[in-house]
Amino acid sequence: MAQKASAYFQLLKFRLSLTVAFSSAIGFILADPNGRWYEIALVMLGGLLVTGSANIINQILEKDLDKMMKRTAKRPLPTGRLSVSEAVIYGVFLAVAGTLLLSWYFNPLTAALSLLSMVLYGFIYTPLKRISPICVFVGAIPGAMPPLIGWVAASGAIEVEAIILFGIQFFWQFPHFWAIAWVLDDDYKKAGFKMLPMEGGKNLKTAIQIMSYTLVLIPLSLLPLQFGMTGTTSAMIAVVCGVLFLAQTFYLMRTCSKKAAMSIMFGSFLYLPIVQIAFVLDKV
């Protein structure tokens, strides 16, 4: 029984789902700094459930491909610890529970955006990974929606501030995912995934693409200040983080090495939460 429960928990990809839910909470707090703690918890729970469902769709569709890659071969579906039918039931339950919660407590638009995000990630981004590098662009859309969804949960509307939050997270995903794809390129090739943007993969052209999207983050991160969403302190923190993040991409352009790509990968994991938390602390 414990092994089964552990398999279901692993299928959820809890840490990834929680990270997404955290971004939705950021959007909610920025839209309503006086929001009650249980409302923040509920928007996180709804986001966690729907994101978990999207992750399950991804793993169902890639079950046989996951067997080919070292980092995914021990997941519940490739190892047979869970059947596809069990995963389908679990995924449907999470999707229904999450969308009903977001619709009932917040508003139907929040639920609809969450459902759209799940469909884009599970049914469009996932199969595109073996077809074209454009998959990263498509995947960046649902990946950037959590703070927008959180804002809509609090305000009931898609406003310019929500679009700014979406834009920051959208552009952040390109250096983030391309750095991961660079590091895991050999593993991805076993499954036929086409994640890196340029032909030839790990080369200067790809490094320049990573740098370009990282550079865009610096002016984007100043927009919350321009629109009165946050103050100057968080803007300064965002710029400093953006410059440090950008410096890592120059190292990749110079060396085109796995070590440099790993540096960007870990830097991206730090950049987004630091900037988002700075926005919130400056707001409240």
Protein backbone atom coordinates (compact mmCIF):
# COMPACT_ATOMS: atom_id res chain seq x y z
CA MET A 1 0.00 0.00 0.00
CA ALA A 2 2.83 2.37 0.90
CA GLN A 3 4.57 1.62 -2.40
CA LYS A 4 1.36 2.39 -4.30
CA ALA A 5 0.91 5.68 -2.46
CA SER A 6 4.53 6.57 -3.18
CA ALA A 7 3.99 5.84 -6.88
CA TYR A 8 0.93 8.09 -7.02
CA PHE A 9 2.87 10.85 -5.27
CA GLN A 10 5.76 10.48 -7.71
CA LEU A 11 3.35 10.60 -10.66
CA LEU A 12 2.12 13.97 -9.42
CA LYS A 13 5.65 15.45 -9.75
CA PHE A 14 4.96 17.24 -6.49
CA ARG A 15 7.96 19.57 -6.43
CA LEU A 16 7.34 20.77 -9.98
CA SER A 17 3.60 21.14 -9.35
CA LEU A 18 4.26 23.03 -6.12
CA THR A 19 6.59 25.43 -7.95
CA VAL A 20 3.81 26.16 -10.44
CA ALA A 21 1.32 26.61 -7.60
CA PHE A 22 3.74 29.02 -5.92
CA SER A 23 3.75 31.20 -9.05
CA SER A 24 -0.04 31.33 -9.02
CA ALA A 25 0.08 32.48 -5.40
CA ILE A 26 2.50 35.25 -6.42
CA GLY A 27 0.01 36.53 -9.00
CA PHE A 28 -2.84 36.36 -6.49
CA ILE A 29 -0.96 38.32 -3.80
CA LEU A 30 0.18 41.00 -6.25
CA ALA A 31 -3.42 41.48 -7.40
CA ASP A 32 -4.80 41.45 -3.85
CA PRO A 33 -2.16 42.14 -1.17
CA ASN A 34 -4.90 41.93 1.48
CA GLY A 35 -6.06 38.49 0.37
CA ARG A 36 -6.77 36.02 3.16
CA TRP A 37 -4.27 33.25 3.78
CA TYR A 38 -6.78 30.52 3.04
CA GLU A 39 -7.58 32.10 -0.34
CA ILE A 40 -3.87 31.96 -1.21
CA ALA A 41 -3.80 28.34 -0.04
CA LEU A 42 -6.85 27.50 -2.18
CA VAL A 43 -5.46 29.06 -5.35
CA MET A 44 -2.24 27.11 -4.75
CA LEU A 45 -4.19 23.90 -4.17
CA GLY A 46 -6.20 24.39 -7.38
CA GLY A 47 -3.02 25.08 -9.32
CA LEU A 48 -1.31 22.06 -7.77
CA LEU A 49 -4.17 19.73 -8.75
CA VAL A 50 -4.47 20.92 -12.36
CA THR A 51 -0.69 20.99 -12.86
CA GLY A 52 -0.45 17.50 -11.43
CA SER A 53 -3.03 16.36 -13.98
CA ALA A 54 -1.01 17.92 -16.82
CA ASN A 55 2.11 16.12 -15.59
CA ILE A 56 0.23 12.83 -15.55
CA ILE A 57 -0.96 13.33 -19.15
CA ASN A 58 2.65 13.97 -20.10
CA GLN A 59 3.83 10.77 -18.45
CA ILE A 60 1.04 8.66 -19.95
CA LEU A 61 1.85 9.83 -23.47
CA GLU A 62 5.60 9.39 -22.92
CA LYS A 63 5.49 6.10 -21.01
CA ASP A 64 7.45 4.16 -23.62
CA LEU A 65 9.83 7.05 -24.26
CA ASP A 66 10.57 7.41 -20.56
CA LYS A 67 11.93 3.86 -20.58
CA MET A 68 14.67 5.01 -22.96
CA MET A 69 16.03 7.81 -20.77
CA LYS A 70 18.10 7.33 -17.65
CA ARG A 71 16.48 10.17 -15.72
CA THR A 72 12.92 8.97 -16.33
CA ALA A 73 13.25 5.18 -16.56
CA LYS A 74 12.30 4.69 -12.89
CA ARG A 75 9.04 6.64 -13.05
CA PRO A 76 5.86 4.77 -11.97
CA LEU A 77 4.54 4.03 -15.48
CA PRO A 78 7.74 2.75 -17.16
CA THR A 79 8.43 0.49 -14.16
CA GLY A 80 4.86 -0.79 -14.04
CA ARG A 81 4.24 0.33 -10.46
CA LEU A 82 1.12 2.03 -11.81
CA SER A 83 -0.93 1.05 -14.83
CA VAL A 84 -2.03 3.49 -17.53
CA SER A 85 -5.66 3.07 -16.44
CA GLU A 86 -4.76 3.96 -12.85
CA ALA A 87 -2.89 7.02 -14.09
CA VAL A 88 -5.82 8.10 -16.28
CA ILE A 89 -8.30 7.84 -13.38
CA TYR A 90 -5.92 9.74 -11.10
CA GLY A 91 -5.30 12.45 -13.71
CA VAL A 92 -9.01 12.94 -14.45
CA PHE A 93 -9.77 13.18 -10.73
CA LEU A 94 -7.10 15.84 -10.19
CA ALA A 95 -8.22 17.85 -13.24
CA VAL A 96 -11.90 17.81 -12.23
CA ALA A 97 -11.16 18.60 -8.58
CA GLY A 98 -8.80 21.46 -9.46
CA THR A 99 -11.03 23.13 -12.04
CA LEU A 100 -14.15 22.78 -9.85
CA LEU A 101 -12.30 24.32 -6.91
CA LEU A 102 -11.02 27.28 -8.95
CA SER A 103 -14.40 27.84 -10.59
CA TRP A 104 -16.46 27.48 -7.42
CA TYR A 105 -14.36 29.54 -5.03
CA PHE A 106 -12.84 32.07 -7.43
CA ASN A 107 -14.37 32.46 -10.90
CA PRO A 108 -14.98 30.45 -14.09
CA LEU A 109 -12.30 32.37 -16.01
CA THR A 110 -9.64 31.13 -13.59
CA ALA A 111 -10.79 27.55 -14.08
CA ALA A 112 -10.96 27.94 -17.86
CA LEU A 113 -7.40 29.31 -18.05
CA SER A 114 -6.15 26.46 -15.87
CA LEU A 115 -7.88 23.93 -18.08
CA LEU A 116 -6.42 25.58 -21.20
CA SER A 117 -2.96 25.43 -19.64
CA MET A 118 -3.38 21.72 -18.90
CA VAL A 119 -4.51 20.95 -22.47
CA LEU A 120 -1.66 22.95 -24.03
CA TYR A 121 0.95 21.21 -21.89
CA GLY A 122 -0.43 17.70 -21.96
CA PHE A 123 -1.82 17.32 -25.46
CA ILE A 124 0.11 19.83 -27.61
CA TYR A 125 3.51 20.49 -26.04
CA THR A 126 4.12 16.84 -25.12
CA PRO A 127 3.79 15.31 -28.64
CA LEU A 128 5.56 18.30 -30.20
CA LYS A 129 8.75 17.45 -28.31
CA ARG A 130 9.53 14.76 -30.91
CA ILE A 131 8.49 16.88 -33.90
CA SER A 132 10.05 20.33 -33.64
CA PRO A 133 11.99 22.67 -31.32
CA ILE A 134 8.92 24.93 -31.48
CA CYS A 135 7.69 22.74 -28.62
CA VAL A 136 9.61 24.98 -26.20
CA PHE A 137 7.65 28.03 -27.40
CA VAL A 138 4.36 26.16 -27.06
CA GLY A 139 5.33 24.79 -23.65
CA ALA A 140 6.30 28.24 -22.45
CA ILE A 141 2.67 29.37 -22.77
CA PRO A 142 1.17 27.05 -20.13
CA GLY A 143 4.40 27.40 -18.18
CA ALA A 144 3.89 31.18 -17.95
CA MET A 145 0.19 31.09 -17.10
CA PRO A 146 0.30 30.40 -13.32
CA PRO A 147 0.93 34.02 -12.19
CA LEU A 148 -1.67 35.22 -14.70
CA ILE A 149 -4.13 32.65 -13.36
CA GLY A 150 -3.41 33.78 -9.80
CA TRP A 151 -4.05 37.40 -10.78
CA VAL A 152 -7.33 36.47 -12.47
CA ALA A 153 -8.38 34.47 -9.40
CA ALA A 154 -8.05 37.63 -7.31
CA SER A 155 -9.34 40.21 -9.82
CA GLY A 156 -11.69 38.25 -12.06
CA ALA A 157 -10.17 39.74 -15.23
CA ILE A 158 -7.13 39.48 -17.50
CA GLU A 159 -5.50 42.87 -16.91
CA VAL A 160 -2.28 44.38 -18.21
CA GLU A 161 -0.52 43.59 -14.92
CA ALA A 162 -1.36 39.92 -15.35
CA ILE A 163 0.06 39.98 -18.86
CA ILE A 164 3.30 41.51 -17.54
CA LEU A 165 3.68 38.68 -15.03
CA PHE A 166 2.94 36.22 -17.82
CA GLY A 167 5.59 37.86 -20.02
CA ILE A 168 8.34 37.65 -17.40
CA GLN A 169 7.72 33.98 -16.76
CA PHE A 170 7.31 33.28 -20.50
CA PHE A 171 10.71 34.66 -21.48
CA TRP A 172 12.40 33.12 -18.41
CA GLN A 173 11.48 29.65 -19.63
CA PHE A 174 13.62 29.79 -22.78
CA PRO A 175 17.02 30.00 -21.06
CA HIS A 176 15.69 27.67 -18.36
CA PHE A 177 14.53 24.85 -20.66
CA TRP A 178 17.27 25.24 -23.25
CA ALA A 179 19.90 24.98 -20.51
CA ILE A 180 18.22 21.80 -19.26
CA ALA A 181 18.03 20.48 -22.83
CA TRP A 182 21.74 21.25 -23.31
CA VAL A 183 22.69 19.34 -20.16
CA LEU A 184 20.39 16.39 -20.93
CA ASP A 185 20.87 16.42 -24.70
CA ASP A 186 22.25 12.86 -24.92
CA ASP A 187 19.35 11.50 -22.86
CA TYR A 188 16.78 13.46 -24.87
CA LYS A 189 18.20 12.16 -28.15
CA LYS A 190 17.48 8.59 -27.02
CA ALA A 191 13.77 9.46 -26.98
CA GLY A 192 13.95 11.59 -30.13
CA PHE A 193 13.18 14.86 -28.34
CA LYS A 194 14.00 18.01 -30.32
CA MET A 195 14.35 20.66 -27.65
CA LEU A 196 17.35 22.81 -28.60
CA PRO A 197 16.53 25.70 -30.96
CA MET A 198 19.29 25.50 -33.54
CA GLU A 199 20.46 22.74 -35.89
CA GLY A 200 23.43 21.01 -34.36
CA GLY A 201 22.13 21.65 -30.85
CA LYS A 202 24.94 22.51 -28.45
CA ASN A 203 26.66 25.32 -30.34
CA LEU A 204 27.22 29.07 -30.36
CA LYS A 205 23.96 29.77 -32.20
CA THR A 206 21.97 28.09 -29.44
CA ALA A 207 24.01 29.94 -26.80
CA ILE A 208 23.18 33.26 -28.51
CA GLN A 209 19.48 32.37 -28.47
CA ILE A 210 19.71 31.66 -24.73
CA MET A 211 21.48 34.99 -24.17
CA SER A 212 18.92 36.92 -26.22
CA TYR A 213 15.91 35.73 -24.23
CA THR A 214 17.75 36.28 -20.95
CA LEU A 215 18.57 39.84 -22.02
CA VAL A 216 14.86 40.57 -22.61
CA LEU A 217 14.14 39.69 -18.98
CA ILE A 218 15.94 42.81 -17.72
CA PRO A 219 13.62 45.46 -19.24
CA LEU A 220 10.60 43.18 -18.71
CA SER A 221 11.32 42.95 -15.00
CA LEU A 222 11.10 46.77 -14.76
CA LEU A 223 7.51 46.86 -16.05
CA PRO A 224 5.94 46.05 -12.66
CA LEU A 225 7.52 49.26 -11.34
CA GLN A 226 6.33 51.26 -14.35
CA PHE A 227 2.76 50.05 -13.84
CA GLY A 228 2.74 50.63 -10.10
CA MET A 229 2.62 46.96 -9.20
CA THR A 230 5.75 47.09 -7.04
CA GLY A 231 8.37 49.55 -5.82
CA THR A 232 11.95 50.49 -6.65
CA THR A 233 13.56 47.97 -4.28
CA SER A 234 12.20 44.95 -6.10
CA ALA A 235 13.01 46.57 -9.45
CA MET A 236 16.65 46.93 -8.39
CA ILE A 237 16.75 43.33 -7.17
CA ALA A 238 15.24 42.16 -10.47
CA VAL A 239 17.83 44.08 -12.50
CA VAL A 240 20.74 42.76 -10.44
CA CYS A 241 19.43 39.19 -10.75
CA GLY A 242 18.89 39.72 -14.47
CA VAL A 243 22.44 40.97 -15.00
CA LEU A 244 23.90 38.04 -13.05
CA PHE A 245 21.72 35.64 -15.03
CA LEU A 246 22.85 37.28 -18.28
CA ALA A 247 26.52 36.99 -17.28
CA GLN A 248 26.10 33.22 -17.08
CA THR A 249 24.95 33.14 -20.71
CA PHE A 250 28.13 34.93 -21.82
CA TYR A 251 30.10 32.10 -20.20
CA LEU A 252 28.09 29.62 -22.27
CA MET A 253 28.69 31.63 -25.46
CA ARG A 254 32.41 31.63 -24.76
CA THR A 255 32.80 27.94 -23.88
CA CYS A 256 29.71 26.11 -25.22
CA SER A 257 30.28 23.69 -22.35
CA LYS A 258 27.99 21.50 -20.28
CA LYS A 259 29.36 23.15 -17.15
CA ALA A 260 28.22 26.58 -18.38
CA ALA A 261 24.78 25.20 -19.30
CA MET A 262 24.45 23.69 -15.80
CA SER A 263 25.31 27.08 -14.34
CA ILE A 264 22.46 28.67 -16.33
CA MET A 265 20.11 25.87 -15.35
CA PHE A 266 20.72 26.34 -11.63
CA GLY A 267 20.76 30.11 -12.03
CA SER A 268 17.33 29.99 -13.64
CA PHE A 269 15.97 27.99 -10.70
CA LEU A 270 17.11 30.82 -8.41
CA TYR A 271 16.20 33.81 -10.61
CA LEU A 272 12.43 33.42 -10.84
CA PRO A 273 11.55 32.80 -7.16
CA ILE A 274 13.92 35.53 -5.97
CA VAL A 275 12.40 38.09 -8.33
CA GLN A 276 8.83 37.01 -7.60
CA ILE A 277 9.33 37.07 -3.84
CA ALA A 278 10.94 40.52 -4.14
CA PHE A 279 7.86 41.75 -6.02
CA VAL A 280 5.56 40.44 -3.30
CA LEU A 281 7.61 41.78 -0.37
CA ASP A 282 7.77 45.18 -2.05
CA LYS A 283 4.00 45.12 -2.55
CA VAL A 284 2.87 44.04 0.89
